């Protein structure tokens, strides 16, 4: 796995000039491993996307890992774990993974269910007697699925710098508050709910939460680089943490102490460890298939509406089959995207060391698709002549979702260009493919958000197809003025 340090961002150019080649080469040698040759095109596309996203968003450092069919096929670091001291990111750099801590903790829930020590539908007080009785009873299943009515962060609580010595100490923040609604009435995301889940794990197992996680989850899976983010401990290869100010400048993130929410968002990990964690849910050796099915079953509200969330996992179904399960994580100074594709036996994890770094959405999906079908991202021939300026409209069939001006140039090696949307954001084309079926354009905007335009209707002055960007998806129709 080759370390790669991007010096394309202007903010880090000066630092790159002073990074000694010998030091960089030595770190590269430590991380070097040859990925299977067939993944070459996929790796190059992923590098292009990650470097473009880092450059646009100002993220100092990122790390990625991809696993296919039980094998970690690629892992690589980009940029800096420590900008001031010019320490490069590599495979073992530890990032704050935020709410990806929830599916990690859900593994412990599954183990206790298998051992007969935890009934997901029993009242919380069976395992946490000290938790105040509320107007309505709540169960571990409801809490873990964000259906119990426990509140989320309020005000500046996300920036807490206070040390809490135990799981139960941390619950003082929210445990006296009333439930927001009758359990099951609606879905309401709550990291504090997972603080309560960690107390349930302690009560059901008879062990403290962190030692239980270490022995029964991290050690069992081989997650050697996953630990609690203790602020007073020396943790090898822990990245520094950054944020981007309103002026666009990258600065050190605020000091926080995540001891109040280990289970909800307090772990450090590496993308490679997250890939190992994802793989542990495919083989039936760590958790039984029935247990994984329980964790990956989307829960429903009282009126039968699916929440798309199981026990610690966001889940997508197709014809009743789980096709995608994962979680995103946002922390002070860290952001992570983590997804698994069980039917394809693939896992992708991408972490950045900046608040609100663009590590989720289409970038993770695109990387996964590239590794599952490396040949599909290589042009099968010179595409049609598209050079020119177009006026484009994206719609859902009933109403206009967005409009844009697209300028495209072409060459034998591919297409280039930019898209200016009606909200004044600008996308840059960073990769293109062409085939007899059409043309695909991958773009990155000024925030580092990846979009995908697929044109399958090409004729004269008109282009037609589909557009996907974050939560926006619809038909795109472009015409030359």
Protein backbone atom coordinates (compact mmCIF):
# COMPACT_ATOMS: atom_id res chain seq x y z
CA UNK A 1 0.00 0.00 0.00
CA UNK A 2 1.77 3.05 -1.23
CA UNK A 3 1.73 6.26 0.74
CA UNK A 4 0.84 9.21 -1.41
CA UNK A 5 1.28 12.81 -0.31
CA UNK A 6 -0.66 15.40 -2.27
CA UNK A 7 1.01 18.78 -2.71
CA UNK A 8 -1.54 20.14 -5.15
CA UNK A 9 -3.40 22.32 -2.62
CA UNK A 10 -2.04 25.84 -2.37
CA UNK A 11 -2.40 25.79 1.42
CA UNK A 12 0.12 22.97 1.68
CA UNK A 13 2.51 23.89 -1.13
CA UNK A 14 4.96 25.57 1.21
CA UNK A 15 4.98 22.58 3.51
CA UNK A 16 5.58 20.25 0.57
CA UNK A 17 8.60 22.24 -0.53
CA UNK A 18 10.29 21.51 2.77
CA UNK A 19 9.36 17.82 3.05
CA UNK A 20 12.60 15.92 2.59
CA UNK A 21 12.39 13.34 -0.21
CA UNK A 22 14.35 10.83 1.84
CA UNK A 23 11.81 10.96 4.66
CA UNK A 24 8.91 10.61 2.26
CA UNK A 25 10.53 7.68 0.48
CA UNK A 26 11.26 5.94 3.78
CA UNK A 27 7.62 6.18 4.85
CA UNK A 28 6.49 5.02 1.41
CA UNK A 29 8.67 1.95 1.72
CA UNK A 30 7.02 1.05 5.03
CA UNK A 31 3.56 1.13 3.49
CA UNK A 32 4.45 -0.36 0.11
CA UNK A 33 2.45 -3.36 -1.12
CA UNK A 34 1.44 -4.27 -4.64
CA UNK A 35 -2.29 -4.25 -5.30
CA UNK A 36 -3.54 -6.75 -7.88
CA UNK A 37 -2.82 -5.40 -11.35
CA UNK A 38 -6.47 -5.52 -12.40
CA UNK A 39 -7.24 -2.76 -9.90
CA UNK A 40 -4.81 -0.29 -11.51
CA UNK A 41 -7.52 1.82 -13.24
CA UNK A 42 -9.64 1.85 -10.09
CA UNK A 43 -6.73 3.03 -7.96
CA UNK A 44 -5.89 5.82 -10.39
CA UNK A 45 -9.51 7.01 -10.45
CA UNK A 46 -9.73 6.91 -6.66
CA UNK A 47 -6.50 8.88 -6.34
CA UNK A 48 -7.79 11.46 -8.80
CA UNK A 49 -11.04 11.86 -6.87
CA UNK A 50 -9.44 12.02 -3.42
CA UNK A 51 -6.82 14.54 -4.48
CA UNK A 52 -9.46 16.70 -6.20
CA UNK A 53 -11.70 16.54 -3.13
CA UNK A 54 -8.84 17.42 -0.78
CA UNK A 55 -7.74 20.30 -2.98
CA UNK A 56 -11.26 21.74 -3.22
CA UNK A 57 -12.20 21.31 0.45
CA UNK A 58 -8.83 22.12 1.99
CA UNK A 59 -8.76 18.85 3.93
CA UNK A 60 -5.17 18.41 5.16
CA UNK A 61 -5.13 14.61 5.18
CA UNK A 62 -7.17 11.63 4.07
CA UNK A 63 -6.80 7.87 4.17
CA UNK A 64 -8.67 5.22 2.19
CA UNK A 65 -8.97 1.45 2.24
CA UNK A 66 -10.83 -0.91 -0.10
CA UNK A 67 -11.61 -4.56 0.47
CA UNK A 68 -13.06 -7.02 -2.02
CA UNK A 69 -14.06 -10.62 -1.31
CA UNK A 70 -12.16 -10.86 1.95
CA UNK A 71 -8.97 -9.20 0.74
CA UNK A 72 -7.70 -5.73 1.57
CA UNK A 73 -6.77 -4.79 -1.99
CA UNK A 74 -5.70 -1.18 -1.51
CA UNK A 75 -4.93 1.26 1.30
CA UNK A 76 -3.24 4.61 0.92
CA UNK A 77 -2.65 7.86 2.77
CA UNK A 78 -2.85 11.33 1.29
CA UNK A 79 -1.66 14.67 2.61
CA UNK A 80 -0.72 15.42 6.19
CA UNK A 81 -1.58 14.04 9.59
CA UNK A 82 0.25 17.00 11.11
CA UNK A 83 0.54 20.07 8.90
CA UNK A 84 2.86 22.05 11.19
CA UNK A 85 5.40 19.25 11.49
CA UNK A 86 4.84 17.88 7.98
CA UNK A 87 3.97 14.37 9.14
CA UNK A 88 2.40 12.46 6.27
CA UNK A 89 -0.74 10.32 6.49
CA UNK A 90 -0.13 6.61 6.01
CA UNK A 91 -2.10 3.41 6.44
CA UNK A 92 -1.78 3.32 10.23
CA UNK A 93 -2.76 6.96 10.84
CA UNK A 94 -5.68 7.00 13.28
CA UNK A 95 -8.64 9.30 12.61
CA UNK A 96 -11.69 10.28 14.63
CA UNK A 97 -14.41 8.15 13.05
CA UNK A 98 -17.34 9.82 14.82
CA UNK A 99 -20.62 7.95 14.48
CA UNK A 100 -18.97 5.01 12.76
CA UNK A 101 -18.47 4.12 16.44
CA UNK A 102 -22.16 3.12 16.44
CA UNK A 103 -21.93 0.09 14.11
CA UNK A 104 -18.69 -0.86 15.87
CA UNK A 105 -20.56 -0.83 19.18
CA UNK A 106 -23.49 -2.67 17.58
CA UNK A 107 -21.16 -5.66 17.18
CA UNK A 108 -20.97 -5.88 20.97
CA UNK A 109 -24.76 -5.74 21.14
CA UNK A 110 -24.93 -8.64 18.69
CA UNK A 111 -22.47 -10.72 20.69
CA UNK A 112 -24.48 -10.29 23.90
CA UNK A 113 -27.70 -11.20 22.11
CA UNK A 114 -26.04 -14.40 20.87
CA UNK A 115 -24.88 -15.22 24.38
CA UNK A 116 -28.41 -14.83 25.71
CA UNK A 117 -27.32 -11.98 27.98
CA UNK A 118 -29.26 -9.21 26.23
CA UNK A 119 -32.92 -9.04 25.29
CA UNK A 120 -33.30 -6.20 22.81
CA UNK A 121 -36.95 -5.69 23.72
CA UNK A 122 -36.62 -5.68 27.50
CA UNK A 123 -36.91 -2.40 29.37
CA UNK A 124 -33.67 -0.46 29.59
CA UNK A 125 -33.78 -0.54 33.39
CA UNK A 126 -33.18 -4.33 33.37
CA UNK A 127 -29.57 -3.54 32.39
CA UNK A 128 -29.23 0.06 33.61
CA UNK A 129 -31.22 0.22 36.85
CA UNK A 130 -30.05 3.76 37.53
CA UNK A 131 -31.48 5.20 34.34
CA UNK A 132 -34.53 7.32 35.25
CA UNK A 133 -37.92 5.83 34.41
CA UNK A 134 -39.62 7.89 31.72
CA UNK A 135 -43.24 8.52 30.82
CA UNK A 136 -43.07 5.55 28.48
CA UNK A 137 -40.90 2.44 28.69
CA UNK A 138 -38.02 2.18 26.21
CA UNK A 139 -36.05 -0.81 24.96
CA UNK A 140 -32.50 -1.28 23.72
CA UNK A 141 -33.84 -1.94 20.22
CA UNK A 142 -35.65 1.40 20.17
CA UNK A 143 -32.69 3.29 21.60
CA UNK A 144 -30.24 1.70 19.14
CA UNK A 145 -32.56 2.50 16.22
CA UNK A 146 -33.14 6.16 17.18
CA UNK A 147 -36.82 5.50 17.92
CA UNK A 148 -36.81 5.94 21.71
CA UNK A 149 -37.17 9.73 21.80
CA UNK A 150 -33.83 10.41 23.52
CA UNK A 151 -32.52 13.79 22.48
CA UNK A 152 -29.40 14.57 20.43
CA UNK A 153 -26.78 17.28 21.12
CA UNK A 154 -28.04 20.63 22.33
CA UNK A 155 -26.17 23.91 21.89
CA UNK A 156 -22.40 23.49 22.20
CA UNK A 157 -22.51 20.03 23.78
CA UNK A 158 -20.78 18.64 20.68
CA UNK A 159 -17.76 20.71 21.77
CA UNK A 160 -17.60 19.28 25.29
CA UNK A 161 -14.08 19.42 26.76
CA UNK A 162 -14.99 17.81 30.08
CA UNK A 163 -13.54 14.45 31.12
CA UNK A 164 -16.03 11.78 32.21
CA UNK A 165 -14.43 8.83 33.96
CA UNK A 166 -17.19 6.29 33.32
CA UNK A 167 -20.01 5.61 30.89
CA UNK A 168 -22.61 6.35 33.55
CA UNK A 169 -20.88 9.62 34.44
CA UNK A 170 -21.36 10.78 30.85
CA UNK A 171 -25.08 10.04 30.91
CA UNK A 172 -25.66 12.86 33.39
CA UNK A 173 -25.76 15.20 30.37
CA UNK A 174 -29.11 13.90 29.12
CA UNK A 175 -30.60 11.21 31.37
CA UNK A 176 -32.85 13.58 33.35
CA UNK A 177 -34.45 15.01 30.20
CA UNK A 178 -37.91 13.97 29.07
CA UNK A 179 -38.34 11.86 25.96
CA UNK A 180 -39.05 13.93 22.86
CA UNK A 181 -42.01 11.73 21.88
CA UNK A 182 -43.63 8.38 22.55
CA UNK A 183 -41.14 5.66 21.55
CA UNK A 184 -41.71 4.47 18.00
CA UNK A 185 -43.69 7.54 17.00
CA UNK A 186 -40.89 8.79 14.75
CA UNK A 187 -37.21 8.48 13.94
CA UNK A 188 -34.95 11.03 15.65
CA UNK A 189 -31.19 10.55 15.46
CA UNK A 190 -29.48 10.56 18.86
CA UNK A 191 -25.83 9.95 19.70
CA UNK A 192 -26.74 10.15 23.38
CA UNK A 193 -28.93 7.12 22.83
CA UNK A 194 -25.77 5.17 22.06
CA UNK A 195 -24.24 6.36 25.33
CA UNK A 196 -27.15 4.53 26.93
CA UNK A 197 -26.48 1.49 24.72
CA UNK A 198 -22.93 1.33 26.08
CA UNK A 199 -24.35 1.31 29.61
CA UNK A 200 -26.64 -1.55 28.54
CA UNK A 201 -23.55 -3.45 27.34
CA UNK A 202 -21.94 -2.95 30.74
CA UNK A 203 -25.03 -4.14 32.57
CA UNK A 204 -25.58 -7.17 30.35
CA UNK A 205 -21.94 -8.28 30.25
CA UNK A 206 -20.83 -7.37 33.75
CA UNK A 207 -17.75 -5.69 32.26
CA UNK A 208 -16.74 -2.09 31.69
CA UNK A 209 -17.55 -0.95 28.18
CA UNK A 210 -14.09 -0.20 26.77
CA UNK A 211 -12.39 -3.37 28.04
CA UNK A 212 -15.33 -5.38 26.66
CA UNK A 213 -14.93 -3.74 23.25
CA UNK A 214 -11.18 -4.39 23.28
CA UNK A 215 -11.41 -8.07 24.18
CA UNK A 216 -14.51 -9.15 22.33
CA UNK A 217 -14.58 -6.89 19.26
CA UNK A 218 -11.23 -5.27 18.46
CA UNK A 219 -9.04 -8.24 19.41
CA UNK A 220 -11.45 -10.77 17.94
CA UNK A 221 -11.51 -9.06 14.54
CA UNK A 222 -7.89 -7.96 14.46
CA UNK A 223 -8.62 -4.23 14.68
CA UNK A 224 -5.17 -3.39 16.04
CA UNK A 225 -5.45 0.34 15.34
CA UNK A 226 -8.86 1.08 16.86
CA UNK A 227 -8.91 2.72 20.31
CA UNK A 228 -10.83 5.18 22.44
CA UNK A 229 -9.81 8.78 21.77
CA UNK A 230 -8.33 9.51 25.20
CA UNK A 231 -7.02 13.06 25.19
CA UNK A 232 -4.40 12.41 27.90
CA UNK A 233 -2.91 9.27 26.35
CA UNK A 234 0.00 8.88 23.97
CA UNK A 235 -1.63 7.20 20.98
CA UNK A 236 0.79 6.33 18.16
CA UNK A 237 -0.08 7.69 14.73
CA UNK A 238 -3.07 9.73 15.93
CA UNK A 239 -3.64 12.53 13.46
CA UNK A 240 -3.98 16.16 14.46
CA UNK A 241 -7.45 17.63 14.05
CA UNK A 242 -8.44 20.54 11.80
CA UNK A 243 -11.35 22.70 10.75
CA UNK A 244 -11.93 25.20 7.98
CA UNK A 245 -12.95 28.69 9.04
CA UNK A 246 -15.45 30.93 7.32
CA UNK A 247 -12.53 32.66 5.64
CA UNK A 248 -11.59 29.36 4.00
CA UNK A 249 -8.39 28.95 6.02
CA UNK A 250 -7.57 25.63 7.66
CA UNK A 251 -6.86 25.89 11.38
CA UNK A 252 -6.55 23.64 14.41
CA UNK A 253 -9.92 22.33 15.56
CA UNK A 254 -11.26 23.17 19.00
CA UNK A 255 -10.09 20.96 21.86
CA UNK A 256 -12.74 18.39 22.78
CA UNK A 257 -12.87 15.37 25.08
CA UNK A 258 -15.05 12.58 23.67
CA UNK A 259 -15.16 10.55 26.89
CA UNK A 260 -18.87 11.35 27.22
CA UNK A 261 -19.73 9.38 24.07
CA UNK A 262 -17.38 6.47 23.34
CA UNK A 263 -20.14 4.37 21.77
CA UNK A 264 -21.84 7.24 19.99
CA UNK A 265 -18.75 8.85 18.48
CA UNK A 266 -15.58 8.45 20.50
CA UNK A 267 -13.34 5.95 18.72
CA UNK A 268 -10.20 6.42 16.68
CA UNK A 269 -9.58 3.99 13.84
CA UNK A 270 -8.03 3.51 10.43
CA UNK A 271 -9.80 2.77 7.14
CA UNK A 272 -7.97 -0.58 6.99
CA UNK A 273 -9.37 -1.55 10.39
CA UNK A 274 -12.84 -0.52 9.24
CA UNK A 275 -12.49 -2.77 6.20
CA UNK A 276 -11.60 -5.65 8.52
CA UNK A 277 -14.64 -4.78 10.62
CA UNK A 278 -16.86 -4.81 7.54
CA UNK A 279 -15.50 -8.18 6.43
CA UNK A 280 -16.32 -9.63 9.85
CA UNK A 281 -20.01 -9.24 8.94
CA UNK A 282 -19.77 -11.35 5.78
CA UNK A 283 -18.35 -14.71 6.82
CA UNK A 284 -20.39 -15.86 9.82
CA UNK A 285 -17.26 -16.45 11.92
CA UNK A 286 -17.56 -13.38 14.15
CA UNK A 287 -21.33 -12.96 14.33
CA UNK A 288 -23.94 -15.50 13.28
CA UNK A 289 -25.88 -14.70 10.07
CA UNK A 290 -29.09 -14.43 12.12
CA UNK A 291 -27.49 -11.80 14.34
CA UNK A 292 -26.24 -9.76 11.40
CA UNK A 293 -29.72 -9.95 9.88
CA UNK A 294 -31.05 -8.50 13.14
CA UNK A 295 -28.57 -5.63 13.10
CA UNK A 296 -29.26 -4.94 9.41
CA UNK A 297 -33.08 -5.09 9.56
CA UNK A 298 -34.46 -1.55 9.07
CA UNK A 299 -36.73 -0.66 11.95
CA UNK A 300 -40.17 0.86 11.53
CA UNK A 301 -42.15 3.54 13.30
CA UNK A 302 -45.42 2.73 15.02
CA UNK A 303 -47.31 3.41 11.80
CA UNK A 304 -45.13 0.98 9.83
CA UNK A 305 -42.84 3.44 8.06
CA UNK A 306 -39.30 2.17 7.52
CA UNK A 307 -36.53 4.27 9.04
CA UNK A 308 -33.77 2.81 6.86
CA UNK A 309 -31.82 2.24 10.09
CA UNK A 310 -31.30 -1.05 11.89
CA UNK A 311 -29.24 -1.39 15.06
CA UNK A 312 -26.30 0.94 14.54
CA UNK A 313 -26.38 0.71 10.75
CA UNK A 314 -27.98 2.64 7.89
CA UNK A 315 -29.33 -0.01 5.54
CA UNK A 316 -30.49 -0.10 1.90
CA UNK A 317 -32.66 -2.94 0.65
CA UNK A 318 -33.44 -4.15 -2.85
CA UNK A 319 -36.22 -6.73 -3.18
CA UNK A 320 -35.85 -7.43 0.51
CA UNK A 321 -32.10 -8.07 0.29
CA UNK A 322 -29.52 -5.87 2.04
CA UNK A 323 -27.42 -4.36 -0.75
CA UNK A 324 -25.66 -1.71 1.32
CA UNK A 325 -25.01 -1.19 5.04
CA UNK A 326 -22.83 1.46 6.55
CA UNK A 327 -22.54 4.69 8.49
CA UNK A 328 -21.01 8.12 8.24
CA UNK A 329 -19.15 9.81 11.04
CA UNK A 330 -18.68 13.49 11.82
CA UNK A 331 -16.43 14.66 14.66
CA UNK A 332 -14.62 17.79 15.69
CA UNK A 333 -11.58 17.50 13.44
CA UNK A 334 -12.58 14.28 11.72
CA UNK A 335 -15.02 12.87 9.17
CA UNK A 336 -15.43 9.31 7.94
CA UNK A 337 -17.40 7.41 5.32
CA UNK A 338 -17.83 3.65 5.79
CA UNK A 339 -19.94 1.37 3.61
CA UNK A 340 -20.29 -2.32 2.95
CA UNK A 341 -21.92 -4.06 -0.04
CA UNK A 342 -22.74 -7.54 1.30
CA UNK A 343 -23.90 -9.10 -1.97
CA UNK A 344 -20.68 -7.92 -3.64
CA UNK A 345 -18.57 -8.65 -0.55
CA UNK A 346 -16.97 -5.23 -0.79
CA UNK A 347 -16.06 -2.59 1.83
CA UNK A 348 -14.80 0.98 1.41
CA UNK A 349 -13.71 3.36 4.17
CA UNK A 350 -12.48 6.93 3.71
CA UNK A 351 -11.38 9.18 6.58
CA UNK A 352 -10.31 12.83 6.76
CA UNK A 353 -8.79 14.89 9.58
CA UNK A 354 -11.04 17.94 9.21
CA UNK A 355 -14.52 18.76 10.45
CA UNK A 356 -17.07 18.29 7.66
CA UNK A 357 -14.51 16.85 5.26
CA UNK A 358 -16.30 15.38 2.20
CA UNK A 359 -15.71 11.68 2.88
CA UNK A 360 -19.20 10.34 2.22
CA UNK A 361 -21.79 10.19 -0.51
CA UNK A 362 -20.79 9.59 -4.10
CA UNK A 363 -17.04 9.49 -3.52
CA UNK A 364 -17.34 6.26 -1.53
CA UNK A 365 -19.89 4.80 -3.93
CA UNK A 366 -17.78 5.70 -6.94
CA UNK A 367 -14.63 4.15 -5.45
CA UNK A 368 -16.53 0.96 -4.68
CA UNK A 369 -17.98 0.76 -8.19
CA UNK A 370 -14.54 1.27 -9.71
CA UNK A 371 -13.04 -1.65 -7.77
CA UNK A 372 -15.98 -3.93 -8.46
CA UNK A 373 -15.78 -3.23 -12.20
CA UNK A 374 -12.34 -1.76 -13.04
CA UNK A 375 -12.91 -2.19 -16.78
CA UNK A 376 -16.08 -0.12 -16.57
CA UNK A 377 -14.21 3.09 -15.78
CA UNK A 378 -11.93 2.88 -18.80
CA UNK A 379 -13.16 4.42 -22.04
CA UNK A 380 -13.80 1.79 -24.70
CA UNK A 381 -13.14 4.25 -27.51
CA UNK A 382 -13.00 7.91 -28.45
CA UNK A 383 -16.27 9.52 -27.49
CA UNK A 384 -18.53 11.74 -29.55
CA UNK A 385 -17.76 15.38 -30.25
CA UNK A 386 -19.28 17.33 -27.35
CA UNK A 387 -17.24 20.55 -27.26
CA UNK A 388 -19.38 23.57 -26.56
CA UNK A 389 -21.54 25.35 -24.02
CA UNK A 390 -24.86 23.91 -22.86
CA UNK A 391 -27.81 25.07 -20.80
CA UNK A 392 -28.86 22.21 -18.52
CA UNK A 393 -31.89 21.41 -16.39
CA UNK A 394 -32.15 18.64 -13.79
CA UNK A 395 -35.69 17.49 -12.97
CA UNK A 396 -37.51 14.67 -11.23
CA UNK A 397 -40.06 14.40 -14.02
CA UNK A 398 -42.43 16.88 -12.42
CA UNK A 399 -40.42 19.88 -11.31
CA UNK A 400 -37.02 21.44 -11.90
CA UNK A 401 -34.49 20.54 -9.23
CA UNK A 402 -31.56 22.59 -10.53
CA UNK A 403 -30.27 24.35 -13.60
CA UNK A 404 -26.74 24.98 -14.82
CA UNK A 405 -24.45 26.16 -17.59
CA UNK A 406 -22.04 23.44 -18.71
CA UNK A 407 -18.91 24.07 -20.73
CA UNK A 408 -17.26 20.98 -22.18
CA UNK A 409 -14.07 20.44 -24.13
CA UNK A 410 -12.84 17.18 -25.54
CA UNK A 411 -9.64 15.53 -26.66
CA UNK A 412 -8.59 12.01 -27.62
CA UNK A 413 -7.81 11.31 -23.96
CA UNK A 414 -11.17 12.41 -22.59
CA UNK A 415 -13.38 15.34 -21.70
CA UNK A 416 -12.75 18.36 -19.53
CA UNK A 417 -14.91 21.28 -18.48
CA UNK A 418 -16.91 22.96 -15.75
CA UNK A 419 -20.52 23.30 -14.67
CA UNK A 420 -21.87 26.45 -13.04
CA UNK A 421 -25.08 25.75 -11.13
CA UNK A 422 -27.91 28.16 -10.39
CA UNK A 423 -26.75 28.41 -6.76
CA UNK A 424 -23.40 29.71 -8.12
CA UNK A 425 -21.45 26.61 -7.11
CA UNK A 426 -18.98 25.43 -9.74
CA UNK A 427 -18.12 21.82 -10.56
CA UNK A 428 -14.91 20.81 -12.34
CA UNK A 429 -14.78 17.69 -14.50
CA UNK A 430 -12.05 15.45 -13.05
CA UNK A 431 -12.70 12.18 -14.90
CA UNK A 432 -14.60 11.03 -17.96
CA UNK A 433 -15.46 7.79 -19.72
CA UNK A 434 -16.93 7.16 -23.14
CA UNK A 435 -18.40 4.06 -24.73
CA UNK A 436 -20.95 3.18 -27.40
CA UNK A 437 -23.60 3.59 -24.67
CA UNK A 438 -22.73 7.17 -23.81
CA UNK A 439 -20.48 9.51 -21.83
CA UNK A 440 -19.91 9.74 -18.09
CA UNK A 441 -18.50 12.78 -16.29
CA UNK A 442 -17.32 12.86 -12.67
CA UNK A 443 -17.14 16.34 -11.21
CA UNK A 444 -16.00 17.94 -7.94
CA UNK A 445 -17.36 21.25 -6.68
CA UNK A 446 -15.70 23.95 -4.56
CA UNK A 447 -16.65 22.14 -1.33
CA UNK A 448 -15.26 18.82 -2.53
CA UNK A 449 -18.64 17.23 -3.26
CA UNK A 450 -18.56 14.62 -6.03
CA UNK A 451 -21.27 14.52 -8.73
CA UNK A 452 -21.86 12.06 -11.57
CA UNK A 453 -23.40 12.97 -14.92
CA UNK A 454 -24.26 10.11 -17.28
CA UNK A 455 -25.30 11.09 -20.79
CA UNK A 456 -26.92 8.27 -22.76
CA UNK A 457 -28.90 10.38 -25.22
CA UNK A 458 -26.51 12.22 -27.50
CA UNK A 459 -27.74 13.75 -30.70
CA UNK A 460 -27.10 17.06 -32.42
CA UNK A 461 -27.21 19.95 -29.94
CA UNK A 462 -28.85 17.92 -27.15
CA UNK A 463 -27.54 15.73 -24.32
CA UNK A 464 -29.82 13.70 -22.08
CA UNK A 465 -29.23 11.37 -19.14
CA UNK A 466 -29.06 11.32 -15.36
CA UNK A 467 -27.39 13.48 -12.71
CA UNK A 468 -26.50 12.48 -9.14
CA UNK A 469 -25.03 14.76 -6.50
CA UNK A 470 -25.45 14.19 -2.78
CA UNK A 471 -29.18 14.06 -2.14
CA UNK A 472 -30.05 15.31 -5.63
CA UNK A 473 -30.86 12.78 -8.33
CA UNK A 474 -32.83 13.28 -11.50
CA UNK A 475 -32.93 13.45 -15.25
CA UNK A 476 -30.59 15.98 -16.87
CA UNK A 477 -31.31 17.59 -20.21
CA UNK A 478 -28.74 19.88 -21.84
CA UNK A 479 -29.00 21.87 -25.05
CA UNK A 480 -26.66 24.21 -26.89
CA UNK A 481 -28.14 27.76 -26.89
